[in-house]
C-alpha atoms as a PDB file:
ATOM      1  CA  UNK A   1     -12.471 -13.808  -3.207  1.00  0.00           C
ATOM      2  CA  UNK A   2     -14.338 -11.321  -1.883  1.00  0.00           C
ATOM      3  CA  UNK A   3     -14.281 -12.013   2.411  1.00  0.00           C
ATOM      4  CA  UNK A   4     -14.721  -9.147   4.240  1.00  0.00           C
ATOM      5  CA  UNK A   5     -11.952  -8.536   7.037  1.00  0.00           C
ATOM      6  CA  UNK A   6     -13.421  -9.633  10.557  1.00  0.00           C
ATOM      7  CA  UNK A   7     -10.270  -6.993  12.530  1.00  0.00           C
ATOM      8  CA  UNK A   8     -11.260  -3.976  13.084  1.00  0.00           C
ATOM      9  CA  UNK A   9      -8.957  -1.907  10.426  1.00  0.00           C
ATOM     10  CA  UNK A  10      -9.309   1.414  12.592  1.00  0.00           C
ATOM     11  CA  UNK A  11      -7.401  -0.494  15.658  1.00  0.00           C
ATOM     12  CA  UNK A  12      -5.712  -3.481  13.776  1.00  0.00           C
ATOM     13  CA  UNK A  13      -4.301  -0.743  10.881  1.00  0.00           C
ATOM     14  CA  UNK A  14      -0.740  -2.251  11.286  1.00  0.00           C
ATOM     15  CA  UNK A  15      -1.343  -6.398  10.786  1.00  0.00           C
ATOM     16  CA  UNK A  16      -4.854  -6.471   8.728  1.00  0.00           C
ATOM     17  CA  UNK A  17      -4.509  -8.214   5.581  1.00  0.00           C
ATOM     18  CA  UNK A  18      -6.087  -6.418   2.963  1.00  0.00           C
ATOM     19  CA  UNK A  19      -5.809  -8.248  -0.635  1.00  0.00           C
ATOM     20  CA  UNK A  20      -7.119  -9.447  -3.579  1.00  0.00           C
ATOM     21  CA  UNK A  21      -9.024 -12.105  -1.355  1.00  0.00           C
ATOM     22  CA  UNK A  22     -10.061  -9.862   1.732  1.00  0.00           C
ATOM     23  CA  UNK A  23     -11.530  -6.458   1.565  1.00  0.00           C
ATOM     24  CA  UNK A  24     -12.224  -3.860   3.985  1.00  0.00           C
ATOM     25  CA  UNK A  25     -16.257  -2.610   4.971  1.00  0.00           C
ATOM     26  CA  UNK A  26     -17.508  -0.567   2.380  1.00  0.00           C
ATOM     27  CA  UNK A  27     -18.511   1.978   4.732  1.00  0.00           C
ATOM     28  CA  UNK A  28     -14.992   2.008   6.312  1.00  0.00           C
ATOM     29  CA  UNK A  29     -13.159   5.519   6.716  1.00  0.00           C
ATOM     30  CA  UNK A  30     -10.550   6.373   9.044  1.00  0.00           C
ATOM     31  CA  UNK A  31     -11.981   8.965  11.532  1.00  0.00           C
ATOM     32  CA  UNK A  32      -8.556  10.960  11.505  1.00  0.00           C
ATOM     33  CA  UNK A  33      -7.401  11.439   8.407  1.00  0.00           C
ATOM     34  CA  UNK A  34      -5.109  15.304   7.672  1.00  0.00           C
ATOM     35  CA  UNK A  35      -3.895  16.561   4.616  1.00  0.00           C
ATOM     36  CA  UNK A  36      -0.378  15.584   3.682  1.00  0.00           C
ATOM     37  CA  UNK A  37       0.608  19.190   4.488  1.00  0.00           C
ATOM     38  CA  UNK A  38       0.787  18.082   7.980  1.00  0.00           C
ATOM     39  CA  UNK A  39       3.932  16.272   7.066  1.00  0.00           C
ATOM     40  CA  UNK A  40       5.551  18.767   5.376  1.00  0.00           C
ATOM     41  CA  UNK A  41       4.273  18.374   1.690  1.00  0.00           C
ATOM     42  CA  UNK A  42       2.660  20.718  -0.107  1.00  0.00           C
ATOM     43  CA  UNK A  43      -0.947  21.278   0.530  1.00  0.00           C
ATOM     44  CA  UNK A  44      -2.981  18.804  -2.009  1.00  0.00           C
ATOM     45  CA  UNK A  45      -6.556  18.860  -1.979  1.00  0.00           C
ATOM     46  CA  UNK A  46      -7.510  15.407  -1.679  1.00  0.00           C
ATOM     47  CA  UNK A  47      -4.722  13.411  -0.300  1.00  0.00           C
ATOM     48  CA  UNK A  48      -5.006  12.937   3.002  1.00  0.00           C
ATOM     49  CA  UNK A  49      -3.433  10.134   5.555  1.00  0.00           C
ATOM     50  CA  UNK A  50      -4.043   9.298   8.980  1.00  0.00           C
ATOM     51  CA  UNK A  51      -2.594  11.229  11.811  1.00  0.00           C
ATOM     52  CA  UNK A  52      -1.239   8.434  13.328  1.00  0.00           C
ATOM     53  CA  UNK A  53       1.548   8.350  10.627  1.00  0.00           C
ATOM     54  CA  UNK A  54       2.777  12.139  10.341  1.00  0.00           C
ATOM     55  CA  UNK A  55       5.798  12.162  12.356  1.00  0.00           C
ATOM     56  CA  UNK A  56       7.320   9.003  10.221  1.00  0.00           C
ATOM     57  CA  UNK A  57       6.171  10.512   7.045  1.00  0.00           C
ATOM     58  CA  UNK A  58       7.323  13.799   7.935  1.00  0.00           C
ATOM     59  CA  UNK A  59      11.033  12.442   9.178  1.00  0.00           C
ATOM     60  CA  UNK A  60      11.359  10.153   6.091  1.00  0.00           C
ATOM     61  CA  UNK A  61      10.507  13.129   3.715  1.00  0.00           C
ATOM     62  CA  UNK A  62      12.981  15.190   5.436  1.00  0.00           C
ATOM     63  CA  UNK A  63      15.896  12.278   5.224  1.00  0.00           C
ATOM     64  CA  UNK A  64      14.845  11.687   1.210  1.00  0.00           C
ATOM     65  CA  UNK A  65      15.076  15.253   0.896  1.00  0.00           C
ATOM     66  CA  UNK A  66      18.751  15.464   2.313  1.00  0.00           C
ATOM     67  CA  UNK A  67      19.948  12.181   0.449  1.00  0.00           C
ATOM     68  CA  UNK A  68      19.175  14.535  -2.639  1.00  0.00           C
ATOM     69  CA  UNK A  69      16.149  12.548  -3.434  1.00  0.00           C
ATOM     70  CA  UNK A  70      13.374  14.359  -2.502  1.00  0.00           C
ATOM     71  CA  UNK A  71       9.758  12.783  -2.933  1.00  0.00           C
ATOM     72  CA  UNK A  72       6.198  13.820  -3.478  1.00  0.00           C
ATOM     73  CA  UNK A  73       2.981  11.887  -2.633  1.00  0.00           C
ATOM     74  CA  UNK A  74       1.206  10.947  -5.495  1.00  0.00           C
ATOM     75  CA  UNK A  75      -2.067   9.292  -3.998  1.00  0.00           C
ATOM     76  CA  UNK A  76      -3.166   8.639  -0.481  1.00  0.00           C
ATOM     77  CA  UNK A  77      -6.176   7.710   1.242  1.00  0.00           C
ATOM     78  CA  UNK A  78      -8.753   6.172  -1.149  1.00  0.00           C
ATOM     79  CA  UNK A  79     -12.127   5.863  -0.434  1.00  0.00           C
ATOM     80  CA  UNK A  80     -14.056   2.682  -1.344  1.00  0.00           C
ATOM     81  CA  UNK A  81     -16.230   4.698  -3.937  1.00  0.00           C
ATOM     82  CA  UNK A  82     -13.042   6.528  -5.264  1.00  0.00           C
ATOM     83  CA  UNK A  83     -11.492   3.013  -5.704  1.00  0.00           C
ATOM     84  CA  UNK A  84     -14.486   1.901  -7.371  1.00  0.00           C
ATOM     85  CA  UNK A  85     -14.697   5.063  -9.669  1.00  0.00           C
ATOM     86  CA  UNK A  86     -11.334   4.712 -10.647  1.00  0.00           C
ATOM     87  CA  UNK A  87     -11.621   1.014 -11.508  1.00  0.00           C
ATOM     88  CA  UNK A  88     -14.698   1.703 -14.129  1.00  0.00           C
ATOM     89  CA  UNK A  89     -12.114   4.618 -15.285  1.00  0.00           C
ATOM     90  CA  UNK A  90      -9.274   2.299 -16.003  1.00  0.00           C
ATOM     91  CA  UNK A  91     -12.160  -0.489 -17.542  1.00  0.00           C
ATOM     92  CA  UNK A  92     -13.057   2.759 -19.980  1.00  0.00           C
ATOM     93  CA  UNK A  93      -9.611   3.236 -21.007  1.00  0.00           C
ATOM     94  CA  UNK A  94      -8.049  -0.365 -20.780  1.00  0.00           C
ATOM     95  CA  UNK A  95     -10.944  -2.706 -21.433  1.00  0.00           C
ATOM     96  CA  UNK A  96     -12.647  -5.155 -18.703  1.00  0.00           C
ATOM     97  CA  UNK A  97      -9.639  -7.731 -19.112  1.00  0.00           C
ATOM     98  CA  UNK A  98      -6.807  -5.089 -18.813  1.00  0.00           C
ATOM     99  CA  UNK A  99      -8.297  -3.217 -16.220  1.00  0.00           C
ATOM    100  CA  UNK A 100      -8.649  -6.492 -14.050  1.00  0.00           C
ATOM    101  CA  UNK A 101      -5.656  -7.289 -13.828  1.00  0.00           C
ATOM    102  CA  UNK A 102      -4.211  -3.799 -13.454  1.00  0.00           C
ATOM    103  CA  UNK A 103      -6.568  -1.955 -10.836  1.00  0.00           C
ATOM    104  CA  UNK A 104      -7.636  -3.448  -7.567  1.00  0.00           C
ATOM    105  CA  UNK A 105     -11.701  -3.932  -6.741  1.00  0.00           C
ATOM    106  CA  UNK A 106     -13.345  -1.882  -4.510  1.00  0.00           C
ATOM    107  CA  UNK A 107     -12.326  -2.570  -1.040  1.00  0.00           C
ATOM    108  CA  UNK A 108      -9.500  -4.492  -1.916  1.00  0.00           C
ATOM    109  CA  UNK A 109      -7.191  -1.661  -1.797  1.00  0.00           C
ATOM    110  CA  UNK A 110      -4.524  -0.556   0.886  1.00  0.00           C
ATOM    111  CA  UNK A 111      -4.754   2.998   0.375  1.00  0.00           C
ATOM    112  CA  UNK A 112      -8.510   2.581   1.768  1.00  0.00           C
ATOM    113  CA  UNK A 113      -6.763   2.031   5.292  1.00  0.00           C
ATOM    114  CA  UNK A 114      -5.628   5.756   5.223  1.00  0.00           C
ATOM    115  CA  UNK A 115      -1.522   4.296   6.350  1.00  0.00           C
ATOM    116  CA  UNK A 116      -0.876   3.713   2.480  1.00  0.00           C
ATOM    117  CA  UNK A 117       0.631   6.517  -0.043  1.00  0.00           C
ATOM    118  CA  UNK A 118       2.026   6.374  -3.616  1.00  0.00           C
ATOM    119  CA  UNK A 119       5.240   8.347  -3.668  1.00  0.00           C
ATOM    120  CA  UNK A 120       7.404   9.488  -6.949  1.00  0.00           C
ATOM    121  CA  UNK A 121      10.312  12.131  -7.560  1.00  0.00           C
ATOM    122  CA  UNK A 122       9.438  15.610  -6.627  1.00  0.00           C
ATOM    123  CA  UNK A 123       8.345  17.326  -9.439  1.00  0.00           C
ATOM    124  CA  UNK A 124       6.965  14.089 -11.211  1.00  0.00           C
ATOM    125  CA  UNK A 125       3.073  13.661 -11.782  1.00  0.00           C
ATOM    126  CA  UNK A 126       3.450   9.915 -11.940  1.00  0.00           C
ATOM    127  CA  UNK A 127       5.246   6.587 -11.610  1.00  0.00           C
ATOM    128  CA  UNK A 128       5.848   3.568 -13.284  1.00  0.00           C
ATOM    129  CA  UNK A 129       7.853   0.266 -12.656  1.00  0.00           C
ATOM    130  CA  UNK A 130      11.226   1.769 -13.763  1.00  0.00           C
ATOM    131  CA  UNK A 131      11.005   4.646 -10.928  1.00  0.00           C
ATOM    132  CA  UNK A 132      11.957   1.939  -8.985  1.00  0.00           C
ATOM    133  CA  UNK A 133      15.461   1.926 -10.491  1.00  0.00           C
ATOM    134  CA  UNK A 134      15.919   5.913 -10.060  1.00  0.00           C
ATOM    135  CA  UNK A 135      17.816   7.093  -7.196  1.00  0.00           C
ATOM    136  CA  UNK A 136      14.453   8.568  -5.617  1.00  0.00           C
ATOM    137  CA  UNK A 137      13.170   4.609  -5.566  1.00  0.00           C
ATOM    138  CA  UNK A 138      16.281   3.236  -4.824  1.00  0.00           C
ATOM    139  CA  UNK A 139      16.644   5.226  -1.618  1.00  0.00           C
ATOM    140  CA  UNK A 140      13.000   4.124  -1.031  1.00  0.00           C
ATOM    141  CA  UNK A 141      13.507   0.898  -1.338  1.00  0.00           C
ATOM    142  CA  UNK A 142      16.883   0.900   1.004  1.00  0.00           C
ATOM    143  CA  UNK A 143      15.251   3.338   3.772  1.00  0.00           C
ATOM    144  CA  UNK A 144      11.241   3.602   4.041  1.00  0.00           C
ATOM    145  CA  UNK A 145      11.440   0.896   6.612  1.00  0.00           C
ATOM    146  CA  UNK A 146      13.282   2.678   8.705  1.00  0.00           C
ATOM    147  CA  UNK A 147      10.693   4.914   9.129  1.00  0.00           C
ATOM    148  CA  UNK A 148       7.849   2.479   9.183  1.00  0.00           C
ATOM    149  CA  UNK A 149       6.805   2.073   5.711  1.00  0.00           C
ATOM    150  CA  UNK A 150       7.042  -1.032   3.663  1.00  0.00           C
ATOM    151  CA  UNK A 151       6.729  -1.957  -0.156  1.00  0.00           C
ATOM    152  CA  UNK A 152       3.631  -3.840  -0.146  1.00  0.00           C
ATOM    153  CA  UNK A 153       4.295  -5.099  -3.656  1.00  0.00           C
ATOM    154  CA  UNK A 154       8.306  -5.703  -4.181  1.00  0.00           C
ATOM    155  CA  UNK A 155       9.790  -6.957  -7.437  1.00  0.00           C
ATOM    156  CA  UNK A 156       9.506 -10.430  -7.915  1.00  0.00           C
ATOM    157  CA  UNK A 157       7.139 -11.481  -5.215  1.00  0.00           C
ATOM    158  CA  UNK A 158       3.572 -11.296  -7.060  1.00  0.00           C
ATOM    159  CA  UNK A 159       3.005 -14.676  -6.125  1.00  0.00           C
ATOM    160  CA  UNK A 160       3.325 -14.179  -2.810  1.00  0.00           C
ATOM    161  CA  UNK A 161       1.556 -10.739  -2.619  1.00  0.00           C
ATOM    162  CA  UNK A 162      -1.110 -11.118  -5.241  1.00  0.00           C
ATOM    163  CA  UNK A 163       0.235  -7.702  -7.022  1.00  0.00           C
ATOM    164  CA  UNK A 164       2.554  -7.144  -9.457  1.00  0.00           C
ATOM    165  CA  UNK A 165       5.633  -4.768  -8.262  1.00  0.00           C
ATOM    166  CA  UNK A 166       4.890  -1.345  -7.496  1.00  0.00           C
ATOM    167  CA  UNK A 167       8.033   0.282  -6.359  1.00  0.00           C
ATOM    168  CA  UNK A 168       6.103   3.549  -5.451  1.00  0.00           C
ATOM    169  CA  UNK A 169       3.072   1.951  -3.372  1.00  0.00           C
ATOM    170  CA  UNK A 170       4.023   2.297   0.780  1.00  0.00           C
ATOM    171  CA  UNK A 171       2.141   1.082   3.852  1.00  0.00           C
ATOM    172  CA  UNK A 172       2.929   2.123   7.249  1.00  0.00           C
ATOM    173  CA  UNK A 173       3.174  -0.615   9.357  1.00  0.00           C
ATOM    174  CA  UNK A 174       5.232   1.435  12.275  1.00  0.00           C
ATOM    175  CA  UNK A 175       9.039   1.386  12.911  1.00  0.00           C
ATOM    176  CA  UNK A 176       9.055  -1.549  15.184  1.00  0.00           C
ATOM    177  CA  UNK A 177       6.768  -3.914  12.954  1.00  0.00           C
ATOM    178  CA  UNK A 178       8.507  -2.710   9.716  1.00  0.00           C
ATOM    179  CA  UNK A 179      11.968  -3.724  10.959  1.00  0.00           C
ATOM    180  CA  UNK A 180      10.775  -6.983  12.137  1.00  0.00           C
ATOM    181  CA  UNK A 181       9.473  -7.998   8.650  1.00  0.00           C
ATOM    182  CA  UNK A 182      12.670  -6.788   6.885  1.00  0.00           C
ATOM    183  CA  UNK A 183      14.724  -8.893   9.440  1.00  0.00           C
ATOM    184  CA  UNK A 184      12.264 -11.831   8.493  1.00  0.00           C
ATOM    185  CA  UNK A 185      12.842 -11.558   4.549  1.00  0.00           C
ATOM    186  CA  UNK A 186       9.195 -12.316   4.035  1.00  0.00           C
ATOM    187  CA  UNK A 187       6.844  -9.770   2.189  1.00  0.00           C
ATOM    188  CA  UNK A 188       4.303  -8.333   4.638  1.00  0.00           C
ATOM    189  CA  UNK A 189       1.383 -10.034   3.047  1.00  0.00           C
ATOM    190  CA  UNK A 190       3.524 -13.312   3.497  1.00  0.00           C
ATOM    191  CA  UNK A 191       4.904 -12.142   7.359  1.00  0.00           C
ATOM    192  CA  UNK A 192       0.868 -11.210   8.418  1.00  0.00           C
ATOM    193  CA  UNK A 193      -0.513 -14.422   7.470  1.00  0.00           C
ATOM    194  CA  UNK A 194       2.498 -16.419   9.237  1.00  0.00           C
ATOM    195  CA  UNK A 195       2.564 -13.860  12.589  1.00  0.00           C
ATOM    196  CA  UNK A 196      -0.653 -12.093  12.511  1.00  0.00           C
ATOM    197  CA  UNK A 197      -3.198 -14.481  10.632  1.00  0.00           C
ATOM    198  CA  UNK A 198      -6.435 -13.084   9.546  1.00  0.00           C
ATOM    199  CA  UNK A 199      -9.529 -13.635  11.668  1.00  0.00           C
ATOM    200  CA  UNK A 200     -11.173 -16.782  10.464  1.00  0.00           C
ATOM    201  CA  UNK A 201      -8.178 -17.738   8.191  1.00  0.00           C
ATOM    202  CA  UNK A 202      -8.034 -21.357   7.635  1.00  0.00           C
ATOM    203  CA  UNK A 203      -4.442 -22.738   6.097  1.00  0.00           C
ATOM    204  CA  UNK A 204      -6.065 -25.890   5.274  1.00  0.00           C
ATOM    205  CA  UNK A 205      -8.736 -24.818   3.484  1.00  0.00           C
ATOM    206  CA  UNK A 206      -7.229 -21.913   1.579  1.00  0.00           C
ATOM    207  CA  UNK A 207      -4.373 -21.906  -1.145  1.00  0.00           C
ATOM    208  CA  UNK A 208      -0.583 -21.748   0.716  1.00  0.00           C
ATOM    209  CA  UNK A 209       0.159 -17.828   0.689  1.00  0.00           C
ATOM    210  CA  UNK A 210       3.625 -18.169  -0.670  1.00  0.00           C
ATOM    211  CA  UNK A 211       2.459 -20.001  -4.193  1.00  0.00           C
ATOM    212  CA  UNK A 212       1.945 -17.848  -7.210  1.00  0.00           C
ATOM    213  CA  UNK A 213      -1.610 -16.733  -8.061  1.00  0.00           C
ATOM    214  CA  UNK A 214      -3.260 -15.649 -11.414  1.00  0.00           C
ATOM    215  CA  UNK A 215      -4.501 -12.757  -9.866  1.00  0.00           C
ATOM    216  CA  UNK A 216      -1.716  -9.984 -10.322  1.00  0.00           C
ATOM    217  CA  UNK A 217      -2.624  -6.166  -9.959  1.00  0.00           C
ATOM    218  CA  UNK A 218      -0.660  -3.180 -10.747  1.00  0.00           C
ATOM    219  CA  UNK A 219      -2.968  -0.465  -9.045  1.00  0.00           C
ATOM    220  CA  UNK A 220      -3.456  -1.422  -5.508  1.00  0.00           C
END
């Protein structure tokens, strides 16, 4: 699918659904991007997030460090063009079929919102699913929501998220909404469809968002 979201992603950053069906406008870019250094991380050229999440991102960084499991950020805001370039690189490296199953199409990545980050343990330069079982990965899974961040793609939920398990992929929705999503027991995507359905969404005309899908992607 390739449905452009009807919501303004700048204003509705907490609740806009971005998945394999729904995409952000090609030209969308947040107007308040700042370097992750503003949240206490080392300055890293090209790694930027929206200003609205700085306070909570800094608080999460401090809490992770205090727990003895400090984190680094590997990826943050990614433009439509950057996602397109990433997809093309993966096609060259992996072939079109494998790449199609691992990398989000341009516009279909939550990273374009500017409120999504990929994290890993401090000092590491890469991450994979096994990181979820590491001390830092477990701390993130148990505590990120306290700072407004949610695992968009938790383990065992690819049928409800459209994406494979990504223990490193965190979307910021604010502390209040994050607490409500966790309390509901639903994945973020399922919760949004139930409580903040996309404009123009017709449940009768589309597949049930809770059922499985063949489209499972790992580099959202």
